[in-house]
């Protein structure tokens, strides 16, 4: 009897640990915008801030790449490696840079909700490049999601200068499109290389692009001349909003499956809204909360209805 109870508890424990890891991962990803906006209070520019984030993240992703590549029986061709690099630059360098730029103008809550529209862009890109049909559920998701983002946008519009909110939202939307390109182009490469190995090498390519941009635009000494608070925020961003969330999400998905993990991960935008209020003093309004609920509902329709886009 004792043995049966112990054995039956193992799956439950694995799922519980997986759920906790996914929730912590969502919290970590949500904290990225908070760290960025806190660092901006020290007058650091987006090019330097992104370079510091990637510089602190680089050793961890190099270790991840080495670990995941050990004894891997699957060899990628030179063309496939170039594809990994190009998609990494699009999905992690360009998307991050546009996101950092956008965060200069809009609240952390609106930024996270805008990025959360990513599945709708994946659908549209799949339609454009792979001639996938748009389902009724997709149309419903579009209407719900974009009504929600409109409400959140209106909330920010009342709090800040209109031109800044428009510019910031446009930049973050471009970031979401860039990351959607990464996701749409990654399908077969992820299957062949493995998700952890693929992510690690894509991040290395993005880190290289970020540092090349910095060297081309800024003196190297600028990395060292930042206030210690900027370095602290970037180190925290690298550890708690980049490296650890990537690992925790992968481990959470392994323990509980992608569908359940996706459901828990949808808490991210709500977490960001309340973190923005707690740490940045960003006001929370009814439009923002209703908009967040609609965005999450629309994304849920796409994510959990019968998949047509892979």
C-alpha atoms as a PDB file:
ATOM      1  CA  UNK A   1       0.000   0.000   0.000  1.00  0.00           C
ATOM      2  CA  UNK A   2       2.823   2.363   0.900  1.00  0.00           C
ATOM      3  CA  UNK A   3       4.665   1.508  -2.311  1.00  0.00           C
ATOM      4  CA  UNK A   4       1.587   2.186  -4.437  1.00  0.00           C
ATOM      5  CA  UNK A   5       1.067   5.583  -2.842  1.00  0.00           C
ATOM      6  CA  UNK A   6       4.683   6.589  -3.445  1.00  0.00           C
ATOM      7  CA  UNK A   7       4.667   5.437  -7.054  1.00  0.00           C
ATOM      8  CA  UNK A   8       1.408   7.177  -7.873  1.00  0.00           C
ATOM      9  CA  UNK A   9       2.689  10.407  -6.369  1.00  0.00           C
ATOM     10  CA  UNK A  10       5.652  10.637  -8.744  1.00  0.00           C
ATOM     11  CA  UNK A  11       3.710  11.876 -11.810  1.00  0.00           C
ATOM     12  CA  UNK A  12       1.839  14.366  -9.618  1.00  0.00           C
ATOM     13  CA  UNK A  13       5.082  15.674  -8.150  1.00  0.00           C
ATOM     14  CA  UNK A  14       6.644  15.998 -11.595  1.00  0.00           C
ATOM     15  CA  UNK A  15       3.673  18.024 -12.851  1.00  0.00           C
ATOM     16  CA  UNK A  16       3.679  20.232  -9.745  1.00  0.00           C
ATOM     17  CA  UNK A  17       7.393  20.949 -10.106  1.00  0.00           C
ATOM     18  CA  UNK A  18       6.887  21.562 -13.828  1.00  0.00           C
ATOM     19  CA  UNK A  19       4.059  24.014 -13.149  1.00  0.00           C
ATOM     20  CA  UNK A  20       6.200  25.898 -10.628  1.00  0.00           C
ATOM     21  CA  UNK A  21       9.108  26.079 -13.096  1.00  0.00           C
ATOM     22  CA  UNK A  22       6.876  27.408 -15.889  1.00  0.00           C
ATOM     23  CA  UNK A  23       5.351  30.016 -13.561  1.00  0.00           C
ATOM     24  CA  UNK A  24       8.833  31.117 -12.435  1.00  0.00           C
ATOM     25  CA  UNK A  25       9.905  31.230 -16.084  1.00  0.00           C
ATOM     26  CA  UNK A  26       6.930  33.444 -16.988  1.00  0.00           C
ATOM     27  CA  UNK A  27       7.772  35.701 -14.047  1.00  0.00           C
ATOM     28  CA  UNK A  28      11.395  35.918 -15.173  1.00  0.00           C
ATOM     29  CA  UNK A  29      10.490  36.809 -18.750  1.00  0.00           C
ATOM     30  CA  UNK A  30       8.010  39.370 -17.406  1.00  0.00           C
ATOM     31  CA  UNK A  31      10.729  40.988 -15.287  1.00  0.00           C
ATOM     32  CA  UNK A  32      12.824  41.815 -18.357  1.00  0.00           C
ATOM     33  CA  UNK A  33      10.811  44.936 -19.142  1.00  0.00           C
ATOM     34  CA  UNK A  34      11.050  46.035 -15.502  1.00  0.00           C
ATOM     35  CA  UNK A  35      14.852  45.728 -15.490  1.00  0.00           C
ATOM     36  CA  UNK A  36      15.099  47.609 -18.792  1.00  0.00           C
ATOM     37  CA  UNK A  37      12.974  50.523 -17.626  1.00  0.00           C
ATOM     38  CA  UNK A  38      14.796  50.718 -14.292  1.00  0.00           C
ATOM     39  CA  UNK A  39      18.132  50.829 -16.139  1.00  0.00           C
ATOM     40  CA  UNK A  40      16.836  53.602 -18.416  1.00  0.00           C
ATOM     41  CA  UNK A  41      16.515  55.867 -15.359  1.00  0.00           C
ATOM     42  CA  UNK A  42      20.344  56.051 -15.387  1.00  0.00           C
ATOM     43  CA  UNK A  43      20.401  57.552 -18.911  1.00  0.00           C
ATOM     44  CA  UNK A  44      21.874  54.453 -20.577  1.00  0.00           C
ATOM     45  CA  UNK A  45      21.043  54.039 -24.271  1.00  0.00           C
ATOM     46  CA  UNK A  46      19.417  50.935 -25.774  1.00  0.00           C
ATOM     47  CA  UNK A  47      22.514  49.862 -27.771  1.00  0.00           C
ATOM     48  CA  UNK A  48      24.686  49.778 -24.636  1.00  0.00           C
ATOM     49  CA  UNK A  49      21.973  48.192 -22.494  1.00  0.00           C
ATOM     50  CA  UNK A  50      21.374  45.352 -24.946  1.00  0.00           C
ATOM     51  CA  UNK A  51      25.129  44.781 -25.347  1.00  0.00           C
ATOM     52  CA  UNK A  52      25.553  44.451 -21.572  1.00  0.00           C
ATOM     53  CA  UNK A  53      22.628  42.038 -21.341  1.00  0.00           C
ATOM     54  CA  UNK A  54      24.041  39.808 -24.068  1.00  0.00           C
ATOM     55  CA  UNK A  55      27.591  40.076 -22.706  1.00  0.00           C
ATOM     56  CA  UNK A  56      26.470  38.799 -19.305  1.00  0.00           C
ATOM     57  CA  UNK A  57      24.339  36.069 -20.939  1.00  0.00           C
ATOM     58  CA  UNK A  58      27.042  34.928 -23.368  1.00  0.00           C
ATOM     59  CA  UNK A  59      29.021  32.578 -21.040  1.00  0.00           C
ATOM     60  CA  UNK A  60      25.859  30.747 -20.008  1.00  0.00           C
ATOM     61  CA  UNK A  61      24.662  30.186 -23.556  1.00  0.00           C
ATOM     62  CA  UNK A  62      28.185  29.141 -24.616  1.00  0.00           C
ATOM     63  CA  UNK A  63      28.089  26.529 -21.854  1.00  0.00           C
ATOM     64  CA  UNK A  64      24.593  25.485 -22.926  1.00  0.00           C
ATOM     65  CA  UNK A  65      25.771  25.159 -26.543  1.00  0.00           C
ATOM     66  CA  UNK A  66      28.759  23.034 -25.512  1.00  0.00           C
ATOM     67  CA  UNK A  67      26.654  20.835 -23.245  1.00  0.00           C
ATOM     68  CA  UNK A  68      23.849  20.266 -25.760  1.00  0.00           C
ATOM     69  CA  UNK A  69      26.316  19.644 -28.602  1.00  0.00           C
ATOM     70  CA  UNK A  70      28.285  16.943 -26.751  1.00  0.00           C
ATOM     71  CA  UNK A  71      28.036  13.644 -28.573  1.00  0.00           C
ATOM     72  CA  UNK A  72      25.116  14.875 -30.677  1.00  0.00           C
ATOM     73  CA  UNK A  73      24.628  12.398 -33.482  1.00  0.00           C
ATOM     74  CA  UNK A  74      22.735  14.880 -35.656  1.00  0.00           C
ATOM     75  CA  UNK A  75      25.003  16.916 -37.901  1.00  0.00           C
ATOM     76  CA  UNK A  76      23.804  20.130 -39.479  1.00  0.00           C
ATOM     77  CA  UNK A  77      24.968  21.199 -42.909  1.00  0.00           C
ATOM     78  CA  UNK A  78      26.781  24.487 -43.407  1.00  0.00           C
ATOM     79  CA  UNK A  79      23.637  25.960 -44.909  1.00  0.00           C
ATOM     80  CA  UNK A  80      21.616  24.856 -41.891  1.00  0.00           C
ATOM     81  CA  UNK A  81      24.130  26.425 -39.514  1.00  0.00           C
ATOM     82  CA  UNK A  82      23.852  29.702 -41.436  1.00  0.00           C
ATOM     83  CA  UNK A  83      20.066  29.420 -41.156  1.00  0.00           C
ATOM     84  CA  UNK A  84      20.344  28.953 -37.394  1.00  0.00           C
ATOM     85  CA  UNK A  85      22.552  32.049 -37.208  1.00  0.00           C
ATOM     86  CA  UNK A  86      20.249  34.158 -39.398  1.00  0.00           C
ATOM     87  CA  UNK A  87      17.142  33.158 -37.471  1.00  0.00           C
ATOM     88  CA  UNK A  88      18.933  33.759 -34.171  1.00  0.00           C
ATOM     89  CA  UNK A  89      19.829  37.273 -35.312  1.00  0.00           C
ATOM     90  CA  UNK A  90      16.194  37.910 -36.314  1.00  0.00           C
ATOM     91  CA  UNK A  91      14.615  36.288 -33.279  1.00  0.00           C
ATOM     92  CA  UNK A  92      16.913  37.398 -30.481  1.00  0.00           C
ATOM     93  CA  UNK A  93      19.053  40.317 -31.658  1.00  0.00           C
ATOM     94  CA  UNK A  94      16.652  42.294 -33.869  1.00  0.00           C
ATOM     95  CA  UNK A  95      13.568  41.449 -31.822  1.00  0.00           C
ATOM     96  CA  UNK A  96      15.352  42.417 -28.580  1.00  0.00           C
ATOM     97  CA  UNK A  97      16.757  45.640 -30.001  1.00  0.00           C
ATOM     98  CA  UNK A  98      13.358  46.789 -31.287  1.00  0.00           C
ATOM     99  CA  UNK A  99      11.800  45.812 -27.972  1.00  0.00           C
ATOM    100  CA  UNK A 100      14.386  47.785 -25.974  1.00  0.00           C
ATOM    101  CA  UNK A 101      13.799  50.805 -28.197  1.00  0.00           C
ATOM    102  CA  UNK A 102      10.036  50.527 -27.737  1.00  0.00           C
ATOM    103  CA  UNK A 103      10.317  50.339 -23.957  1.00  0.00           C
ATOM    104  CA  UNK A 104      11.642  53.901 -23.955  1.00  0.00           C
ATOM    105  CA  UNK A 105       8.158  55.087 -24.904  1.00  0.00           C
ATOM    106  CA  UNK A 106       5.510  52.736 -23.503  1.00  0.00           C
ATOM    107  CA  UNK A 107       4.679  51.019 -20.233  1.00  0.00           C
ATOM    108  CA  UNK A 108       5.993  47.576 -19.361  1.00  0.00           C
ATOM    109  CA  UNK A 109       2.417  46.256 -19.335  1.00  0.00           C
ATOM    110  CA  UNK A 110       1.606  47.426 -22.871  1.00  0.00           C
ATOM    111  CA  UNK A 111       4.962  46.101 -24.084  1.00  0.00           C
ATOM    112  CA  UNK A 112       4.319  42.598 -22.729  1.00  0.00           C
ATOM    113  CA  UNK A 113       0.761  42.510 -24.089  1.00  0.00           C
ATOM    114  CA  UNK A 114       1.970  43.645 -27.519  1.00  0.00           C
ATOM    115  CA  UNK A 115       4.661  40.954 -27.582  1.00  0.00           C
ATOM    116  CA  UNK A 116       2.003  38.446 -26.560  1.00  0.00           C
ATOM    117  CA  UNK A 117       0.320  38.974 -29.948  1.00  0.00           C
ATOM    118  CA  UNK A 118       3.153  36.892 -31.396  1.00  0.00           C
ATOM    119  CA  UNK A 119       0.970  33.810 -32.184  1.00  0.00           C
ATOM    120  CA  UNK A 120      -1.237  35.947 -34.416  1.00  0.00           C
ATOM    121  CA  UNK A 121       1.813  36.976 -36.451  1.00  0.00           C
ATOM    122  CA  UNK A 122       2.907  33.337 -36.673  1.00  0.00           C
ATOM    123  CA  UNK A 123      -0.502  32.535 -38.205  1.00  0.00           C
ATOM    124  CA  UNK A 124      -0.273  35.419 -40.684  1.00  0.00           C
ATOM    125  CA  UNK A 125       3.276  34.521 -41.730  1.00  0.00           C
ATOM    126  CA  UNK A 126       2.235  30.889 -42.192  1.00  0.00           C
ATOM    127  CA  UNK A 127      -0.589  32.064 -44.428  1.00  0.00           C
ATOM    128  CA  UNK A 128       1.750  34.333 -46.388  1.00  0.00           C
ATOM    129  CA  UNK A 129       4.659  31.938 -46.912  1.00  0.00           C
ATOM    130  CA  UNK A 130       3.095  28.482 -46.628  1.00  0.00           C
ATOM    131  CA  UNK A 131      -0.392  29.142 -48.033  1.00  0.00           C
ATOM    132  CA  UNK A 132      -2.028  27.876 -44.834  1.00  0.00           C
ATOM    133  CA  UNK A 133      -5.775  28.531 -44.610  1.00  0.00           C
ATOM    134  CA  UNK A 134      -7.053  30.910 -41.936  1.00  0.00           C
ATOM    135  CA  UNK A 135      -9.551  29.116 -39.708  1.00  0.00           C
ATOM    136  CA  UNK A 136     -12.669  30.640 -38.174  1.00  0.00           C
ATOM    137  CA  UNK A 137     -11.000  30.335 -34.799  1.00  0.00           C
ATOM    138  CA  UNK A 138      -8.122  32.465 -36.088  1.00  0.00           C
ATOM    139  CA  UNK A 139     -10.455  35.250 -37.223  1.00  0.00           C
ATOM    140  CA  UNK A 140     -12.137  35.166 -33.816  1.00  0.00           C
ATOM    141  CA  UNK A 141      -8.739  35.294 -32.115  1.00  0.00           C
ATOM    142  CA  UNK A 142      -7.667  38.283 -34.225  1.00  0.00           C
ATOM    143  CA  UNK A 143     -10.799  40.265 -33.354  1.00  0.00           C
ATOM    144  CA  UNK A 144     -10.545  39.504 -29.634  1.00  0.00           C
ATOM    145  CA  UNK A 145      -6.764  40.063 -29.368  1.00  0.00           C
ATOM    146  CA  UNK A 146      -6.590  43.303 -31.298  1.00  0.00           C
ATOM    147  CA  UNK A 147      -9.612  44.727 -29.499  1.00  0.00           C
ATOM    148  CA  UNK A 148      -7.739  43.983 -26.291  1.00  0.00           C
ATOM    149  CA  UNK A 149      -4.505  45.603 -27.444  1.00  0.00           C
ATOM    150  CA  UNK A 150      -6.535  48.607 -28.572  1.00  0.00           C
ATOM    151  CA  UNK A 151      -7.892  49.034 -25.047  1.00  0.00           C
ATOM    152  CA  UNK A 152      -4.420  48.672 -23.500  1.00  0.00           C
ATOM    153  CA  UNK A 153      -3.082  51.149 -26.071  1.00  0.00           C
ATOM    154  CA  UNK A 154      -5.831  53.618 -25.158  1.00  0.00           C
ATOM    155  CA  UNK A 155      -4.896  53.254 -21.484  1.00  0.00           C
ATOM    156  CA  UNK A 156      -1.269  54.218 -22.216  1.00  0.00           C
ATOM    157  CA  UNK A 157      -2.384  56.971 -24.561  1.00  0.00           C
ATOM    158  CA  UNK A 158      -4.123  58.727 -21.667  1.00  0.00           C
ATOM    159  CA  UNK A 159      -0.988  58.485 -19.498  1.00  0.00           C
ATOM    160  CA  UNK A 160       1.720  59.680 -21.906  1.00  0.00           C
ATOM    161  CA  UNK A 161       2.393  61.698 -25.059  1.00  0.00           C
ATOM    162  CA  UNK A 162       0.453  60.204 -27.963  1.00  0.00           C
ATOM    163  CA  UNK A 163       3.297  60.255 -30.501  1.00  0.00           C
ATOM    164  CA  UNK A 164       5.565  58.386 -28.070  1.00  0.00           C
ATOM    165  CA  UNK A 165       2.969  55.702 -27.405  1.00  0.00           C
ATOM    166  CA  UNK A 166       2.411  55.192 -31.136  1.00  0.00           C
ATOM    167  CA  UNK A 167       6.149  54.979 -31.822  1.00  0.00           C
ATOM    168  CA  UNK A 168       6.810  52.628 -28.900  1.00  0.00           C
ATOM    169  CA  UNK A 169       3.930  50.313 -29.772  1.00  0.00           C
ATOM    170  CA  UNK A 170       5.031  50.212 -33.422  1.00  0.00           C
ATOM    171  CA  UNK A 171       8.571  49.258 -32.420  1.00  0.00           C
ATOM    172  CA  UNK A 172       7.368  46.483 -30.111  1.00  0.00           C
ATOM    173  CA  UNK A 173       4.972  45.202 -32.778  1.00  0.00           C
ATOM    174  CA  UNK A 174       7.951  45.038 -35.155  1.00  0.00           C
ATOM    175  CA  UNK A 175       9.794  43.095 -32.436  1.00  0.00           C
ATOM    176  CA  UNK A 176       6.924  40.616 -32.216  1.00  0.00           C
ATOM    177  CA  UNK A 177       6.945  40.180 -36.015  1.00  0.00           C
ATOM    178  CA  UNK A 178      10.704  39.596 -35.975  1.00  0.00           C
ATOM    179  CA  UNK A 179      10.330  36.892 -33.329  1.00  0.00           C
ATOM    180  CA  UNK A 180       7.459  35.340 -35.289  1.00  0.00           C
ATOM    181  CA  UNK A 181       9.809  35.061 -38.299  1.00  0.00           C
ATOM    182  CA  UNK A 182      12.218  33.188 -36.028  1.00  0.00           C
ATOM    183  CA  UNK A 183       9.492  30.784 -34.882  1.00  0.00           C
ATOM    184  CA  UNK A 184       8.087  30.136 -38.353  1.00  0.00           C
ATOM    185  CA  UNK A 185      11.547  29.497 -39.794  1.00  0.00           C
ATOM    186  CA  UNK A 186      12.715  27.306 -36.916  1.00  0.00           C
ATOM    187  CA  UNK A 187      10.414  24.295 -37.295  1.00  0.00           C
ATOM    188  CA  UNK A 188      12.563  21.771 -39.132  1.00  0.00           C
ATOM    189  CA  UNK A 189      15.843  23.032 -37.687  1.00  0.00           C
ATOM    190  CA  UNK A 190      14.584  22.569 -34.119  1.00  0.00           C
ATOM    191  CA  UNK A 191      13.521  19.004 -34.895  1.00  0.00           C
ATOM    192  CA  UNK A 192      16.925  18.191 -36.344  1.00  0.00           C
ATOM    193  CA  UNK A 193      19.163  20.040 -33.876  1.00  0.00           C
ATOM    194  CA  UNK A 194      17.099  19.684 -30.686  1.00  0.00           C
ATOM    195  CA  UNK A 195      15.427  22.624 -28.947  1.00  0.00           C
ATOM    196  CA  UNK A 196      18.099  23.366 -26.337  1.00  0.00           C
ATOM    197  CA  UNK A 197      20.982  23.052 -28.801  1.00  0.00           C
ATOM    198  CA  UNK A 198      19.178  25.162 -31.391  1.00  0.00           C
ATOM    199  CA  UNK A 199      18.298  27.887 -28.870  1.00  0.00           C
ATOM    200  CA  UNK A 200      21.836  28.037 -27.502  1.00  0.00           C
ATOM    201  CA  UNK A 201      23.488  28.475 -30.909  1.00  0.00           C
ATOM    202  CA  UNK A 202      20.817  30.956 -32.037  1.00  0.00           C
ATOM    203  CA  UNK A 203      21.506  32.995 -28.901  1.00  0.00           C
ATOM    204  CA  UNK A 204      25.253  32.901 -29.592  1.00  0.00           C
ATOM    205  CA  UNK A 205      24.637  34.316 -33.078  1.00  0.00           C
ATOM    206  CA  UNK A 206      22.393  37.014 -31.614  1.00  0.00           C
ATOM    207  CA  UNK A 207      25.018  37.870 -29.001  1.00  0.00           C
ATOM    208  CA  UNK A 208      27.663  38.234 -31.706  1.00  0.00           C
ATOM    209  CA  UNK A 209      25.405  40.556 -33.732  1.00  0.00           C
ATOM    210  CA  UNK A 210      24.639  42.641 -30.647  1.00  0.00           C
ATOM    211  CA  UNK A 211      28.303  43.086 -29.744  1.00  0.00           C
ATOM    212  CA  UNK A 212      29.257  43.890 -33.350  1.00  0.00           C
ATOM    213  CA  UNK A 213      26.581  46.597 -33.361  1.00  0.00           C
ATOM    214  CA  UNK A 214      27.918  48.033 -30.115  1.00  0.00           C
ATOM    215  CA  UNK A 215      31.553  48.101 -31.299  1.00  0.00           C
ATOM    216  CA  UNK A 216      30.462  49.792 -34.538  1.00  0.00           C
ATOM    217  CA  UNK A 217      28.403  52.481 -32.796  1.00  0.00           C
ATOM    218  CA  UNK A 218      29.941  53.040 -29.361  1.00  0.00           C
ATOM    219  CA  UNK A 219      33.426  53.208 -27.788  1.00  0.00           C
ATOM    220  CA  UNK A 220      34.249  50.013 -25.923  1.00  0.00           C
ATOM    221  CA  UNK A 221      34.935  51.989 -22.754  1.00  0.00           C
ATOM    222  CA  UNK A 222      31.248  52.879 -22.522  1.00  0.00           C
ATOM    223  CA  UNK A 223      30.484  49.388 -21.237  1.00  0.00           C
ATOM    224  CA  UNK A 224      32.719  50.013 -18.225  1.00  0.00           C
ATOM    225  CA  UNK A 225      31.691  53.618 -17.590  1.00  0.00           C
ATOM    226  CA  UNK A 226      28.081  52.820 -16.720  1.00  0.00           C
ATOM    227  CA  UNK A 227      26.843  53.231 -13.123  1.00  0.00           C
ATOM    228  CA  UNK A 228      27.063  50.062 -11.070  1.00  0.00           C
ATOM    229  CA  UNK A 229      23.260  49.972 -10.941  1.00  0.00           C
ATOM    230  CA  UNK A 230      23.113  49.535 -14.736  1.00  0.00           C
ATOM    231  CA  UNK A 231      25.543  46.617 -14.541  1.00  0.00           C
ATOM    232  CA  UNK A 232      23.490  45.122 -11.703  1.00  0.00           C
ATOM    233  CA  UNK A 233      20.240  45.405 -13.676  1.00  0.00           C
ATOM    234  CA  UNK A 234      21.863  43.897 -16.772  1.00  0.00           C
ATOM    235  CA  UNK A 235      23.328  41.017 -14.780  1.00  0.00           C
ATOM    236  CA  UNK A 236      19.918  40.402 -13.194  1.00  0.00           C
ATOM    237  CA  UNK A 237      18.329  40.611 -16.638  1.00  0.00           C
ATOM    238  CA  UNK A 238      20.805  38.092 -18.034  1.00  0.00           C
ATOM    239  CA  UNK A 239      20.351  35.628 -15.184  1.00  0.00           C
ATOM    240  CA  UNK A 240      16.736  36.004 -14.077  1.00  0.00           C
ATOM    241  CA  UNK A 241      15.064  37.260 -17.272  1.00  0.00           C
ATOM    242  CA  UNK A 242      17.068  35.387 -19.934  1.00  0.00           C
ATOM    243  CA  UNK A 243      19.123  32.330 -18.969  1.00  0.00           C
ATOM    244  CA  UNK A 244      17.132  30.833 -16.083  1.00  0.00           C
ATOM    245  CA  UNK A 245      13.690  31.361 -17.710  1.00  0.00           C
ATOM    246  CA  UNK A 246      14.871  29.580 -20.872  1.00  0.00           C
ATOM    247  CA  UNK A 247      16.045  26.592 -18.834  1.00  0.00           C
ATOM    248  CA  UNK A 248      12.999  26.576 -16.521  1.00  0.00           C
ATOM    249  CA  UNK A 249      10.559  26.696 -19.415  1.00  0.00           C
ATOM    250  CA  UNK A 250      12.313  23.826 -21.205  1.00  0.00           C
ATOM    251  CA  UNK A 251      12.344  21.748 -18.013  1.00  0.00           C
ATOM    252  CA  UNK A 252       8.746  22.639 -17.235  1.00  0.00           C
ATOM    253  CA  UNK A 253       7.589  21.572 -20.687  1.00  0.00           C
ATOM    254  CA  UNK A 254       9.479  18.305 -20.269  1.00  0.00           C
ATOM    255  CA  UNK A 255       7.707  17.575 -16.993  1.00  0.00           C
ATOM    256  CA  UNK A 256       4.155  18.621 -17.818  1.00  0.00           C
ATOM    257  CA  UNK A 257       3.830  18.974 -21.598  1.00  0.00           C
ATOM    258  CA  UNK A 258       3.662  22.001 -23.875  1.00  0.00           C
ATOM    259  CA  UNK A 259      -0.107  22.584 -23.674  1.00  0.00           C
ATOM    260  CA  UNK A 260      -0.239  22.820 -19.890  1.00  0.00           C
ATOM    261  CA  UNK A 261       2.942  24.888 -19.866  1.00  0.00           C
ATOM    262  CA  UNK A 262       1.428  27.307 -22.384  1.00  0.00           C
ATOM    263  CA  UNK A 263      -1.623  27.795 -20.198  1.00  0.00           C
ATOM    264  CA  UNK A 264       0.491  28.703 -17.171  1.00  0.00           C
ATOM    265  CA  UNK A 265       2.814  30.859 -19.263  1.00  0.00           C
ATOM    266  CA  UNK A 266      -0.148  33.032 -20.228  1.00  0.00           C
ATOM    267  CA  UNK A 267       0.068  34.579 -16.762  1.00  0.00           C
ATOM    268  CA  UNK A 268       3.125  36.523 -17.991  1.00  0.00           C
ATOM    269  CA  UNK A 269       1.408  39.741 -19.178  1.00  0.00           C
ATOM    270  CA  UNK A 270      -0.668  39.986 -16.008  1.00  0.00           C
ATOM    271  CA  UNK A 271       2.466  39.519 -13.918  1.00  0.00           C
ATOM    272  CA  UNK A 272       4.174  42.301 -15.899  1.00  0.00           C
ATOM    273  CA  UNK A 273       1.264  44.707 -15.361  1.00  0.00           C
ATOM    274  CA  UNK A 274       1.384  44.269 -11.590  1.00  0.00           C
ATOM    275  CA  UNK A 275       5.195  44.310 -11.477  1.00  0.00           C
ATOM    276  CA  UNK A 276       5.130  47.544 -13.481  1.00  0.00           C
ATOM    277  CA  UNK A 277       2.793  49.032 -10.902  1.00  0.00           C
ATOM    278  CA  UNK A 278       4.861  47.795  -7.941  1.00  0.00           C
ATOM    279  CA  UNK A 279       8.365  48.665  -9.194  1.00  0.00           C
ATOM    280  CA  UNK A 280       7.805  51.455 -11.718  1.00  0.00           C
ATOM    281  CA  UNK A 281       4.694  53.148 -10.389  1.00  0.00           C
ATOM    282  CA  UNK A 282       2.809  52.501 -13.635  1.00  0.00           C
ATOM    283  CA  UNK A 283      -0.930  53.072 -13.143  1.00  0.00           C
ATOM    284  CA  UNK A 284      -3.302  50.150 -13.615  1.00  0.00           C
ATOM    285  CA  UNK A 285      -6.585  51.060 -15.303  1.00  0.00           C
ATOM    286  CA  UNK A 286      -9.775  49.210 -16.171  1.00  0.00           C
ATOM    287  CA  UNK A 287      -9.044  49.461 -19.899  1.00  0.00           C
ATOM    288  CA  UNK A 288      -5.658  47.834 -19.382  1.00  0.00           C
ATOM    289  CA  UNK A 289      -7.057  44.930 -17.348  1.00  0.00           C
ATOM    290  CA  UNK A 290      -9.945  44.319 -19.761  1.00  0.00           C
ATOM    291  CA  UNK A 291      -7.531  44.638 -22.684  1.00  0.00           C
ATOM    292  CA  UNK A 292      -5.164  42.138 -21.075  1.00  0.00           C
ATOM    293  CA  UNK A 293      -8.012  39.671 -20.554  1.00  0.00           C
ATOM    294  CA  UNK A 294      -9.040  39.997 -24.220  1.00  0.00           C
ATOM    295  CA  UNK A 295      -5.485  39.587 -25.510  1.00  0.00           C
ATOM    296  CA  UNK A 296      -5.013  36.461 -23.390  1.00  0.00           C
ATOM    297  CA  UNK A 297      -8.368  35.094 -24.533  1.00  0.00           C
ATOM    298  CA  UNK A 298      -7.540  35.678 -28.197  1.00  0.00           C
ATOM    299  CA  UNK A 299      -4.111  34.083 -27.887  1.00  0.00           C
ATOM    300  CA  UNK A 300      -5.695  31.139 -26.050  1.00  0.00           C
ATOM    301  CA  UNK A 301      -8.080  30.579 -28.968  1.00  0.00           C
ATOM    302  CA  UNK A 302      -5.140  30.278 -31.382  1.00  0.00           C
ATOM    303  CA  UNK A 303      -2.928  28.298 -29.011  1.00  0.00           C
ATOM    304  CA  UNK A 304      -5.412  25.705 -27.792  1.00  0.00           C
ATOM    305  CA  UNK A 305      -7.736  25.227 -30.779  1.00  0.00           C
ATOM    306  CA  UNK A 306      -6.904  22.459 -33.251  1.00  0.00           C
ATOM    307  CA  UNK A 307      -3.482  23.478 -34.625  1.00  0.00           C
ATOM    308  CA  UNK A 308      -3.119  24.149 -38.315  1.00  0.00           C
ATOM    309  CA  UNK A 309       0.277  25.899 -38.146  1.00  0.00           C
ATOM    310  CA  UNK A 310       3.419  23.948 -37.357  1.00  0.00           C
END
